[in-house]
Amino acid sequence: MLSILAVKDLVKHYPGVNAVNGISFELHKGICFGLLGPNGAGKTTTVEMLEGIIAPTSGSIRYRGAPLGERFQEQAGIMFQTTALQNFITVRETLAMFRLLYAHPLPAQDLIELCALGHFLNRDTGQLSGGQRQRLLLAIALVNDPEILFLDEPTTGLDPQARRNFWDLLARIKQRHKTVILTTHYMEEAYHLCDEIAIMDAGEIIAEGTPQALLAEHYNDVVLQLPREDFPATDGGLAATVLRGEQVIEILTADVDTTIRRLVELGTPLNRLVIRPRTLEDLFLELTGKQLRA
């Protein structure tokens, strides 16, 4: 199967800075691909090269087997992390303005329904909530009915409910077999939305695969969490790794039954015990040693 986007040995150097150091990957139609990395990892530079905004120092980017060109520009949609909207016009007028930029835009009603804009079409763009603004920006990115869609941290600053609503919108887009490239610093979001992820650090891809496969590859244990004051003074005989935080103790174990029995023997109260599976955040911290930041 021909990939929709193929990246080979991509490099970007600035004076004194090697931002991207020879990364390669391929994306197939209809997947959501998450690009994760700490601040300075090179992900923003990578995405800007994929979007055709900046030119690589070396390497190649091919869209449907050909270099980025007019076809890519016609079939790509971009939702930037920060976009200025025209003031003193309504949402409806904004959609109409952007639809005029393309020869074959999506019908306005399709955009309204897909991005759930119906309740605030006549509202001035300057009076939108954060979630409403993001839904409008998504609609603008979809005006040309793109085959490949770039979303740069689209839920940053949204409250949990608005973020979940945005996830629902992206699920609708995936149902239309669009290819999505997503950058995010929310690990739960990446796990929930992405079919494949790549973690970048220092300009290189250090892990790539499905979220489930990456977690299975690196972990065979779970995490038991206890408030620090509930943890016994001694953990003698506890056959597990103990991580002591300021407020919470984390116990990493592949044998939950044995670990809990030992905690009971040590007189540990378990009413506030939390057992959780390993997460992408655990993996990210293990691989990069850094918190993921925008």
C-alpha atoms as a PDB file:
ATOM      1  CA  MET A   1       0.000   0.000   0.000  1.00  0.00           C
ATOM      2  CA  LEU A   2       1.355   3.406  -1.005  1.00  0.00           C
ATOM      3  CA  SER A   3       1.820   5.638   2.025  1.00  0.00           C
ATOM      4  CA  ILE A   4       0.039   8.967   2.049  1.00  0.00           C
ATOM      5  CA  LEU A   5       3.080  10.646   3.622  1.00  0.00           C
ATOM      6  CA  ALA A   6       6.634   9.294   3.588  1.00  0.00           C
ATOM      7  CA  VAL A   7       9.455  10.980   5.480  1.00  0.00           C
ATOM      8  CA  LYS A   8      13.022   9.826   4.873  1.00  0.00           C
ATOM      9  CA  ASP A   9      16.222  10.984   6.616  1.00  0.00           C
ATOM     10  CA  LEU A  10      14.722  14.388   7.421  1.00  0.00           C
ATOM     11  CA  VAL A  11      17.222  16.915   8.773  1.00  0.00           C
ATOM     12  CA  LYS A  12      16.908  20.555   9.794  1.00  0.00           C
ATOM     13  CA  HIS A  13      19.906  22.535  11.003  1.00  0.00           C
ATOM     14  CA  TYR A  14      19.958  26.123  12.165  1.00  0.00           C
ATOM     15  CA  PRO A  15      23.175  27.991  13.032  1.00  0.00           C
ATOM     16  CA  GLY A  16      24.437  26.236  16.148  1.00  0.00           C
ATOM     17  CA  VAL A  17      21.319  24.074  16.488  1.00  0.00           C
ATOM     18  CA  ASN A  18      20.540  20.628  15.069  1.00  0.00           C
ATOM     19  CA  ALA A  19      16.765  20.744  15.405  1.00  0.00           C
ATOM     20  CA  VAL A  20      15.946  17.509  13.559  1.00  0.00           C
ATOM     21  CA  ASN A  21      18.509  14.754  13.020  1.00  0.00           C
ATOM     22  CA  GLY A  22      17.575  12.324  10.265  1.00  0.00           C
ATOM     23  CA  ILE A  23      14.115  11.050  11.163  1.00  0.00           C
ATOM     24  CA  SER A  24      12.099   8.675   8.949  1.00  0.00           C
ATOM     25  CA  PHE A  25       8.542   7.332   9.090  1.00  0.00           C
ATOM     26  CA  GLU A  26       5.562   6.541   6.865  1.00  0.00           C
ATOM     27  CA  LEU A  27       1.871   7.235   7.367  1.00  0.00           C
ATOM     28  CA  HIS A  28      -0.976   5.369   5.730  1.00  0.00           C
ATOM     29  CA  LYS A  29      -4.364   6.812   4.875  1.00  0.00           C
ATOM     30  CA  GLY A  30      -6.951   7.067   7.603  1.00  0.00           C
ATOM     31  CA  ILE A  31      -4.766   6.911  10.720  1.00  0.00           C
ATOM     32  CA  CYS A  32      -4.237   9.436  13.468  1.00  0.00           C
ATOM     33  CA  PHE A  33      -0.506   9.854  14.058  1.00  0.00           C
ATOM     34  CA  GLY A  34       0.662  11.519  17.263  1.00  0.00           C
ATOM     35  CA  LEU A  35       3.983  13.331  17.449  1.00  0.00           C
ATOM     36  CA  LEU A  36       5.060  13.774  21.073  1.00  0.00           C
ATOM     37  CA  GLY A  37       8.109  15.340  22.625  1.00  0.00           C
ATOM     38  CA  PRO A  38       9.310  17.717  25.322  1.00  0.00           C
ATOM     39  CA  ASN A  39       9.971  21.360  24.600  1.00  0.00           C
ATOM     40  CA  GLY A  40      12.936  21.591  22.233  1.00  0.00           C
ATOM     41  CA  ALA A  41      12.635  18.006  21.000  1.00  0.00           C
ATOM     42  CA  GLY A  42      12.190  19.094  17.375  1.00  0.00           C
ATOM     43  CA  LYS A  43       8.533  18.190  16.907  1.00  0.00           C
ATOM     44  CA  THR A  44       7.389  21.701  15.953  1.00  0.00           C
ATOM     45  CA  THR A  45      10.187  22.007  13.405  1.00  0.00           C
ATOM     46  CA  THR A  46       9.262  18.580  12.059  1.00  0.00           C
ATOM     47  CA  VAL A  47       5.592  19.469  11.683  1.00  0.00           C
ATOM     48  CA  GLU A  48       6.422  22.771   9.980  1.00  0.00           C
ATOM     49  CA  MET A  49       8.518  20.864   7.443  1.00  0.00           C
ATOM     50  CA  LEU A  50       5.702  18.356   6.906  1.00  0.00           C
ATOM     51  CA  GLU A  51       3.299  21.236   6.335  1.00  0.00           C
ATOM     52  CA  GLY A  52       5.617  22.780   3.757  1.00  0.00           C
ATOM     53  CA  ILE A  53       6.115  25.930   5.816  1.00  0.00           C
ATOM     54  CA  ILE A  54       9.891  25.552   6.154  1.00  0.00           C
ATOM     55  CA  ALA A  55      12.325  23.675   3.924  1.00  0.00           C
ATOM     56  CA  PRO A  56      14.447  20.822   5.308  1.00  0.00           C
ATOM     57  CA  THR A  57      18.220  20.999   5.274  1.00  0.00           C
ATOM     58  CA  SER A  58      18.226  17.530   3.746  1.00  0.00           C
ATOM     59  CA  GLY A  59      16.040  14.475   3.401  1.00  0.00           C
ATOM     60  CA  SER A  60      12.712  14.083   1.654  1.00  0.00           C
ATOM     61  CA  ILE A  61       8.983  14.408   2.305  1.00  0.00           C
ATOM     62  CA  ARG A  62       6.700  12.764  -0.232  1.00  0.00           C
ATOM     63  CA  TYR A  63       2.924  13.087  -0.369  1.00  0.00           C
ATOM     64  CA  ARG A  64       1.274  10.227  -2.248  1.00  0.00           C
ATOM     65  CA  GLY A  65       4.640   9.358  -3.754  1.00  0.00           C
ATOM     66  CA  ALA A  66       5.505  12.862  -5.000  1.00  0.00           C
ATOM     67  CA  PRO A  67       7.325  15.842  -3.443  1.00  0.00           C
ATOM     68  CA  LEU A  68       5.173  18.390  -1.632  1.00  0.00           C
ATOM     69  CA  GLY A  69       3.574  20.609  -4.221  1.00  0.00           C
ATOM     70  CA  GLU A  70       0.294  21.949  -5.525  1.00  0.00           C
ATOM     71  CA  ARG A  71      -1.581  18.700  -4.951  1.00  0.00           C
ATOM     72  CA  PHE A  72      -0.483  18.625  -1.321  1.00  0.00           C
ATOM     73  CA  GLN A  73      -1.481  22.262  -0.827  1.00  0.00           C
ATOM     74  CA  GLU A  74      -4.952  21.550  -2.221  1.00  0.00           C
ATOM     75  CA  GLN A  75      -5.454  18.437  -0.090  1.00  0.00           C
ATOM     76  CA  ALA A  76      -3.938  19.507   3.241  1.00  0.00           C
ATOM     77  CA  GLY A  77      -5.650  21.264   6.129  1.00  0.00           C
ATOM     78  CA  ILE A  78      -3.815  22.920   9.019  1.00  0.00           C
ATOM     79  CA  MET A  79      -5.052  23.972  12.433  1.00  0.00           C
ATOM     80  CA  PHE A  80      -2.266  26.002  13.990  1.00  0.00           C
ATOM     81  CA  GLN A  81      -1.817  26.227  17.740  1.00  0.00           C
ATOM     82  CA  THR A  82      -2.462  29.972  17.564  1.00  0.00           C
ATOM     83  CA  THR A  83      -4.565  31.581  14.840  1.00  0.00           C
ATOM     84  CA  ALA A  84      -5.878  35.142  14.668  1.00  0.00           C
ATOM     85  CA  LEU A  85      -9.515  35.405  13.612  1.00  0.00           C
ATOM     86  CA  GLN A  86     -11.038  38.445  11.941  1.00  0.00           C
ATOM     87  CA  ASN A  87     -12.826  40.588  14.500  1.00  0.00           C
ATOM     88  CA  PHE A  88     -16.328  42.021  14.175  1.00  0.00           C
ATOM     89  CA  ILE A  89     -17.660  39.282  11.935  1.00  0.00           C
ATOM     90  CA  THR A  90     -19.733  36.261  12.862  1.00  0.00           C
ATOM     91  CA  VAL A  91     -18.886  32.581  12.778  1.00  0.00           C
ATOM     92  CA  ARG A  92     -21.145  32.186   9.746  1.00  0.00           C
ATOM     93  CA  GLU A  93     -19.367  35.032   7.937  1.00  0.00           C
ATOM     94  CA  THR A  94     -15.967  33.594   8.857  1.00  0.00           C
ATOM     95  CA  LEU A  95     -16.849  30.260   7.264  1.00  0.00           C
ATOM     96  CA  ALA A  96     -18.151  32.010   4.160  1.00  0.00           C
ATOM     97  CA  MET A  97     -14.937  34.020   3.843  1.00  0.00           C
ATOM     98  CA  PHE A  98     -12.656  30.984   4.065  1.00  0.00           C
ATOM     99  CA  ARG A  99     -14.828  28.941   1.694  1.00  0.00           C
ATOM    100  CA  LEU A 100     -14.190  31.603  -0.985  1.00  0.00           C
ATOM    101  CA  LEU A 101     -10.489  30.699  -0.927  1.00  0.00           C
ATOM    102  CA  TYR A 102     -11.065  27.256  -2.465  1.00  0.00           C
ATOM    103  CA  ALA A 103     -12.489  26.098  -5.776  1.00  0.00           C
ATOM    104  CA  HIS A 104     -14.315  23.119  -4.255  1.00  0.00           C
ATOM    105  CA  PRO A 105     -15.006  23.759  -0.551  1.00  0.00           C
ATOM    106  CA  LEU A 106     -17.122  21.564   1.641  1.00  0.00           C
ATOM    107  CA  PRO A 107     -20.742  22.721   1.850  1.00  0.00           C
ATOM    108  CA  ALA A 108     -21.170  25.147   4.719  1.00  0.00           C
ATOM    109  CA  GLN A 109     -23.851  22.986   6.316  1.00  0.00           C
ATOM    110  CA  ASP A 110     -21.497  19.987   6.349  1.00  0.00           C
ATOM    111  CA  LEU A 111     -18.899  22.041   8.223  1.00  0.00           C
ATOM    112  CA  ILE A 112     -21.511  23.343  10.647  1.00  0.00           C
ATOM    113  CA  GLU A 113     -22.732  19.846  11.463  1.00  0.00           C
ATOM    114  CA  LEU A 114     -19.309  18.190  11.542  1.00  0.00           C
ATOM    115  CA  CYS A 115     -17.864  20.746  13.960  1.00  0.00           C
ATOM    116  CA  ALA A 116     -21.067  21.426  15.942  1.00  0.00           C
ATOM    117  CA  LEU A 117     -21.222  25.149  15.175  1.00  0.00           C
ATOM    118  CA  GLY A 118     -24.976  25.476  14.908  1.00  0.00           C
ATOM    119  CA  HIS A 119     -25.615  27.098  18.291  1.00  0.00           C
ATOM    120  CA  PHE A 120     -23.286  30.071  17.782  1.00  0.00           C
ATOM    121  CA  LEU A 121     -23.251  30.768  14.041  1.00  0.00           C
ATOM    122  CA  ASN A 122     -24.363  34.377  14.521  1.00  0.00           C
ATOM    123  CA  ARG A 123     -21.956  35.128  17.358  1.00  0.00           C
ATOM    124  CA  ASP A 124     -19.042  37.507  16.835  1.00  0.00           C
ATOM    125  CA  THR A 125     -15.730  35.632  16.729  1.00  0.00           C
ATOM    126  CA  GLY A 126     -14.435  37.797  19.552  1.00  0.00           C
ATOM    127  CA  GLN A 127     -17.173  36.504  21.856  1.00  0.00           C
ATOM    128  CA  LEU A 128     -16.468  32.786  21.505  1.00  0.00           C
ATOM    129  CA  SER A 129     -15.485  30.535  24.396  1.00  0.00           C
ATOM    130  CA  GLY A 130     -12.252  28.580  24.142  1.00  0.00           C
ATOM    131  CA  GLY A 131     -14.015  25.417  23.023  1.00  0.00           C
ATOM    132  CA  GLN A 132     -16.168  27.264  20.476  1.00  0.00           C
ATOM    133  CA  ARG A 133     -13.125  28.995  19.043  1.00  0.00           C
ATOM    134  CA  GLN A 134     -11.300  25.682  18.612  1.00  0.00           C
ATOM    135  CA  ARG A 135     -14.311  24.159  16.868  1.00  0.00           C
ATOM    136  CA  LEU A 136     -14.399  27.095  14.454  1.00  0.00           C
ATOM    137  CA  LEU A 137     -10.667  26.791  13.777  1.00  0.00           C
ATOM    138  CA  LEU A 138     -11.152  23.085  13.102  1.00  0.00           C
ATOM    139  CA  ALA A 139     -13.928  23.913  10.640  1.00  0.00           C
ATOM    140  CA  ILE A 140     -11.614  26.361   8.870  1.00  0.00           C
ATOM    141  CA  ALA A 141      -8.957  23.648   8.595  1.00  0.00           C
ATOM    142  CA  LEU A 142     -11.599  21.378   7.035  1.00  0.00           C
ATOM    143  CA  VAL A 143     -12.984  23.921   4.552  1.00  0.00           C
ATOM    144  CA  ASN A 144     -11.190  22.327   1.575  1.00  0.00           C
ATOM    145  CA  ASP A 145     -12.184  18.780   2.633  1.00  0.00           C
ATOM    146  CA  PRO A 146      -8.512  17.839   3.160  1.00  0.00           C
ATOM    147  CA  GLU A 147      -7.119  14.343   2.821  1.00  0.00           C
ATOM    148  CA  ILE A 148      -4.448  15.067   5.447  1.00  0.00           C
ATOM    149  CA  LEU A 149      -5.059  17.249   8.492  1.00  0.00           C
ATOM    150  CA  PHE A 150      -2.452  18.789  10.804  1.00  0.00           C
ATOM    151  CA  LEU A 151      -3.588  19.632  14.339  1.00  0.00           C
ATOM    152  CA  ASP A 152      -1.042  21.451  16.498  1.00  0.00           C
ATOM    153  CA  GLU A 153      -1.994  21.040  20.164  1.00  0.00           C
ATOM    154  CA  PRO A 154      -5.672  21.707  19.408  1.00  0.00           C
ATOM    155  CA  THR A 155      -6.980  21.283  22.973  1.00  0.00           C
ATOM    156  CA  THR A 156      -4.405  23.365  24.846  1.00  0.00           C
ATOM    157  CA  GLY A 157      -6.152  25.599  27.347  1.00  0.00           C
ATOM    158  CA  LEU A 158      -9.527  23.863  27.114  1.00  0.00           C
ATOM    159  CA  ASP A 159     -11.347  22.648  30.194  1.00  0.00           C
ATOM    160  CA  PRO A 160     -11.836  18.857  30.522  1.00  0.00           C
ATOM    161  CA  GLN A 161     -15.393  18.896  29.147  1.00  0.00           C
ATOM    162  CA  ALA A 162     -14.454  21.013  26.113  1.00  0.00           C
ATOM    163  CA  ARG A 163     -11.445  18.754  25.512  1.00  0.00           C
ATOM    164  CA  ARG A 164     -13.653  15.653  25.523  1.00  0.00           C
ATOM    165  CA  ASN A 165     -16.092  17.347  23.146  1.00  0.00           C
ATOM    166  CA  PHE A 166     -13.204  18.101  20.807  1.00  0.00           C
ATOM    167  CA  TRP A 167     -12.156  14.441  20.942  1.00  0.00           C
ATOM    168  CA  ASP A 168     -15.647  13.534  19.740  1.00  0.00           C
ATOM    169  CA  LEU A 169     -15.225  15.879  16.780  1.00  0.00           C
ATOM    170  CA  LEU A 170     -11.934  14.244  15.872  1.00  0.00           C
ATOM    171  CA  ALA A 171     -13.586  10.832  16.040  1.00  0.00           C
ATOM    172  CA  ARG A 172     -16.069  12.033  13.421  1.00  0.00           C
ATOM    173  CA  ILE A 173     -13.215  13.190  11.209  1.00  0.00           C
ATOM    174  CA  LYS A 174     -11.484   9.816  11.520  1.00  0.00           C
ATOM    175  CA  GLN A 175     -14.711   8.153  10.414  1.00  0.00           C
ATOM    176  CA  ARG A 176     -14.356  10.092   7.154  1.00  0.00           C
ATOM    177  CA  HIS A 177     -11.026   8.263   6.580  1.00  0.00           C
ATOM    178  CA  LYS A 178      -8.927  11.404   6.877  1.00  0.00           C
ATOM    179  CA  THR A 179      -5.278  11.157   7.896  1.00  0.00           C
ATOM    180  CA  VAL A 180      -4.536  13.224  10.999  1.00  0.00           C
ATOM    181  CA  ILE A 181      -1.160  14.350  12.342  1.00  0.00           C
ATOM    182  CA  LEU A 182      -1.587  15.477  15.926  1.00  0.00           C
ATOM    183  CA  THR A 183       0.828  17.156  18.311  1.00  0.00           C
ATOM    184  CA  THR A 184      -0.291  17.206  21.916  1.00  0.00           C
ATOM    185  CA  HIS A 185       1.131  17.392  25.417  1.00  0.00           C
ATOM    186  CA  TYR A 186      -1.795  15.463  26.927  1.00  0.00           C
ATOM    187  CA  MET A 187      -0.835  11.812  27.240  1.00  0.00           C
ATOM    188  CA  GLU A 188      -4.428  10.672  27.739  1.00  0.00           C
ATOM    189  CA  GLU A 189      -5.364  12.483  24.531  1.00  0.00           C
ATOM    190  CA  ALA A 190      -2.615  10.745  22.566  1.00  0.00           C
ATOM    191  CA  TYR A 191      -3.656   7.349  23.916  1.00  0.00           C
ATOM    192  CA  HIS A 192      -7.324   7.968  23.203  1.00  0.00           C
ATOM    193  CA  LEU A 193      -7.002   9.422  19.688  1.00  0.00           C
ATOM    194  CA  CYS A 194      -3.820   8.113  18.080  1.00  0.00           C
ATOM    195  CA  ASP A 195      -3.476   4.883  16.126  1.00  0.00           C
ATOM    196  CA  GLU A 196       0.299   5.353  16.088  1.00  0.00           C
ATOM    197  CA  ILE A 197       2.663   7.646  17.965  1.00  0.00           C
ATOM    198  CA  ALA A 198       6.264   8.735  17.686  1.00  0.00           C
ATOM    199  CA  ILE A 199       8.149  10.162  20.655  1.00  0.00           C
ATOM    200  CA  MET A 200      10.896  12.647  19.784  1.00  0.00           C
ATOM    201  CA  ASP A 201      13.786  13.882  21.880  1.00  0.00           C
ATOM    202  CA  ALA A 202      16.887  15.836  20.855  1.00  0.00           C
ATOM    203  CA  GLY A 203      15.781  15.860  17.234  1.00  0.00           C
ATOM    204  CA  GLU A 204      15.383  12.091  16.933  1.00  0.00           C
ATOM    205  CA  ILE A 205      12.534   9.590  17.126  1.00  0.00           C
ATOM    206  CA  ILE A 206      13.279   7.429  20.150  1.00  0.00           C
ATOM    207  CA  ALA A 207      10.113   5.275  20.104  1.00  0.00           C
ATOM    208  CA  GLU A 208       7.414   4.593  17.537  1.00  0.00           C
ATOM    209  CA  GLY A 209       4.383   2.303  17.317  1.00  0.00           C
ATOM    210  CA  THR A 210       0.834   1.941  18.544  1.00  0.00           C
ATOM    211  CA  PRO A 211       0.310   3.145  22.132  1.00  0.00           C
ATOM    212  CA  GLN A 212      -0.687  -0.346  23.222  1.00  0.00           C
ATOM    213  CA  ALA A 213       2.332  -2.011  21.580  1.00  0.00           C
ATOM    214  CA  LEU A 214       4.771   0.480  23.073  1.00  0.00           C
ATOM    215  CA  LEU A 215       3.395  -0.024  26.577  1.00  0.00           C
ATOM    216  CA  ALA A 216       3.466  -3.813  26.182  1.00  0.00           C
ATOM    217  CA  GLU A 217       7.048  -3.638  24.906  1.00  0.00           C
ATOM    218  CA  HIS A 218       8.339  -1.648  27.870  1.00  0.00           C
ATOM    219  CA  TYR A 219       6.214  -2.817  30.797  1.00  0.00           C
ATOM    220  CA  ASN A 220       4.908  -6.001  32.375  1.00  0.00           C
ATOM    221  CA  ASP A 221       3.895  -4.436  35.685  1.00  0.00           C
ATOM    222  CA  VAL A 222       1.275  -2.127  37.195  1.00  0.00           C
ATOM    223  CA  VAL A 223       1.473   0.767  39.631  1.00  0.00           C
ATOM    224  CA  LEU A 224       0.097   0.728  43.171  1.00  0.00           C
ATOM    225  CA  GLN A 225      -0.315   4.202  44.639  1.00  0.00           C
ATOM    226  CA  LEU A 226      -0.611   5.057  48.324  1.00  0.00           C
ATOM    227  CA  PRO A 227      -0.564   8.355  50.203  1.00  0.00           C
ATOM    228  CA  ARG A 228       2.843   8.724  51.801  1.00  0.00           C
ATOM    229  CA  GLU A 229       1.373   8.756  55.307  1.00  0.00           C
ATOM    230  CA  ASP A 230      -0.267   5.360  54.723  1.00  0.00           C
ATOM    231  CA  PHE A 231       2.937   3.642  53.648  1.00  0.00           C
ATOM    232  CA  PRO A 232       4.704   1.567  56.305  1.00  0.00           C
ATOM    233  CA  ALA A 233       7.885   2.875  57.843  1.00  0.00           C
ATOM    234  CA  THR A 234       9.713  -0.174  56.531  1.00  0.00           C
ATOM    235  CA  ASP A 235       9.090  -1.929  53.233  1.00  0.00           C
ATOM    236  CA  GLY A 236      11.117  -4.985  54.148  1.00  0.00           C
ATOM    237  CA  GLY A 237      10.193  -8.031  52.109  1.00  0.00           C
ATOM    238  CA  LEU A 238       8.222  -6.013  49.573  1.00  0.00           C
ATOM    239  CA  ALA A 239       9.443  -7.559  46.317  1.00  0.00           C
ATOM    240  CA  ALA A 240       8.751  -4.517  44.184  1.00  0.00           C
ATOM    241  CA  THR A 241      10.266  -1.186  43.159  1.00  0.00           C
ATOM    242  CA  VAL A 242       9.197   1.665  45.453  1.00  0.00           C
ATOM    243  CA  LEU A 243       9.212   5.264  44.219  1.00  0.00           C
ATOM    244  CA  ARG A 244       8.869   7.785  47.016  1.00  0.00           C
ATOM    245  CA  GLY A 245       7.271  11.106  46.070  1.00  0.00           C
ATOM    246  CA  GLU A 246       6.532  14.006  48.366  1.00  0.00           C
ATOM    247  CA  GLN A 247       2.836  13.122  48.620  1.00  0.00           C
ATOM    248  CA  VAL A 248       2.427   9.703  46.997  1.00  0.00           C
ATOM    249  CA  ILE A 249       4.294   6.408  47.128  1.00  0.00           C
ATOM    250  CA  GLU A 250       4.271   4.368  43.903  1.00  0.00           C
ATOM    251  CA  ILE A 251       4.962   0.631  43.982  1.00  0.00           C
ATOM    252  CA  LEU A 252       5.858  -0.992  40.668  1.00  0.00           C
ATOM    253  CA  THR A 253       4.983  -4.677  40.672  1.00  0.00           C
ATOM    254  CA  ALA A 254       4.171  -7.517  38.285  1.00  0.00           C
ATOM    255  CA  ASP A 255       2.620  -9.564  41.135  1.00  0.00           C
ATOM    256  CA  VAL A 256      -0.218  -7.506  42.590  1.00  0.00           C
ATOM    257  CA  ASP A 257      -1.589 -10.259  44.877  1.00  0.00           C
ATOM    258  CA  THR A 258       1.733 -10.921  46.579  1.00  0.00           C
ATOM    259  CA  THR A 259       2.474  -7.205  46.951  1.00  0.00           C
ATOM    260  CA  ILE A 260      -0.896  -6.476  48.535  1.00  0.00           C
ATOM    261  CA  ARG A 261      -0.564  -9.431  50.910  1.00  0.00           C
ATOM    262  CA  ARG A 262       2.804  -8.095  52.052  1.00  0.00           C
ATOM    263  CA  LEU A 263       1.371  -4.615  52.559  1.00  0.00           C
ATOM    264  CA  VAL A 264      -1.361  -6.097  54.734  1.00  0.00           C
ATOM    265  CA  GLU A 265       1.266  -8.021  56.748  1.00  0.00           C
ATOM    266  CA  LEU A 266       3.085  -4.718  57.298  1.00  0.00           C
ATOM    267  CA  GLY A 267      -0.118  -3.170  58.658  1.00  0.00           C
ATOM    268  CA  THR A 268      -0.723  -0.860  55.710  1.00  0.00           C
ATOM    269  CA  PRO A 269      -4.209   0.704  55.453  1.00  0.00           C
ATOM    270  CA  LEU A 270      -5.530   0.011  51.953  1.00  0.00           C
ATOM    271  CA  ASN A 271      -8.677   2.132  51.878  1.00  0.00           C
ATOM    272  CA  ARG A 272      -6.867   4.771  49.782  1.00  0.00           C
ATOM    273  CA  LEU A 273      -4.907   2.334  47.624  1.00  0.00           C
ATOM    274  CA  VAL A 274      -5.121   2.992  43.857  1.00  0.00           C
ATOM    275  CA  ILE A 275      -4.051   0.415  41.276  1.00  0.00           C
ATOM    276  CA  ARG A 276      -3.463   1.710  37.773  1.00  0.00           C
ATOM    277  CA  PRO A 277      -1.962   0.338  34.570  1.00  0.00           C
ATOM    278  CA  ARG A 278       1.130   1.824  33.006  1.00  0.00           C
ATOM    279  CA  THR A 279       0.447   4.898  30.879  1.00  0.00           C
ATOM    280  CA  LEU A 280       2.054   6.810  28.041  1.00  0.00           C
ATOM    281  CA  GLU A 281       3.155   9.378  30.592  1.00  0.00           C
ATOM    282  CA  ASP A 282       5.150   6.684  32.426  1.00  0.00           C
ATOM    283  CA  LEU A 283       6.756   5.703  29.128  1.00  0.00           C
ATOM    284  CA  PHE A 284       7.463   9.283  28.131  1.00  0.00           C
ATOM    285  CA  LEU A 285       9.176  10.070  31.418  1.00  0.00           C
ATOM    286  CA  GLU A 286      11.190   6.863  31.287  1.00  0.00           C
ATOM    287  CA  LEU A 287      12.423   7.510  27.750  1.00  0.00           C
ATOM    288  CA  THR A 288      13.087  11.246  27.970  1.00  0.00           C
ATOM    289  CA  GLY A 289      13.426  11.906  31.684  1.00  0.00           C
ATOM    290  CA  LYS A 290      11.355  15.043  31.113  1.00  0.00           C
ATOM    291  CA  GLN A 291       7.833  16.296  31.666  1.00  0.00           C
ATOM    292  CA  LEU A 292       5.967  16.815  28.419  1.00  0.00           C
ATOM    293  CA  ARG A 293       5.402  20.506  27.899  1.00  0.00           C
ATOM    294  CA  ALA A 294       3.928  22.550  25.107  1.00  0.00           C
END
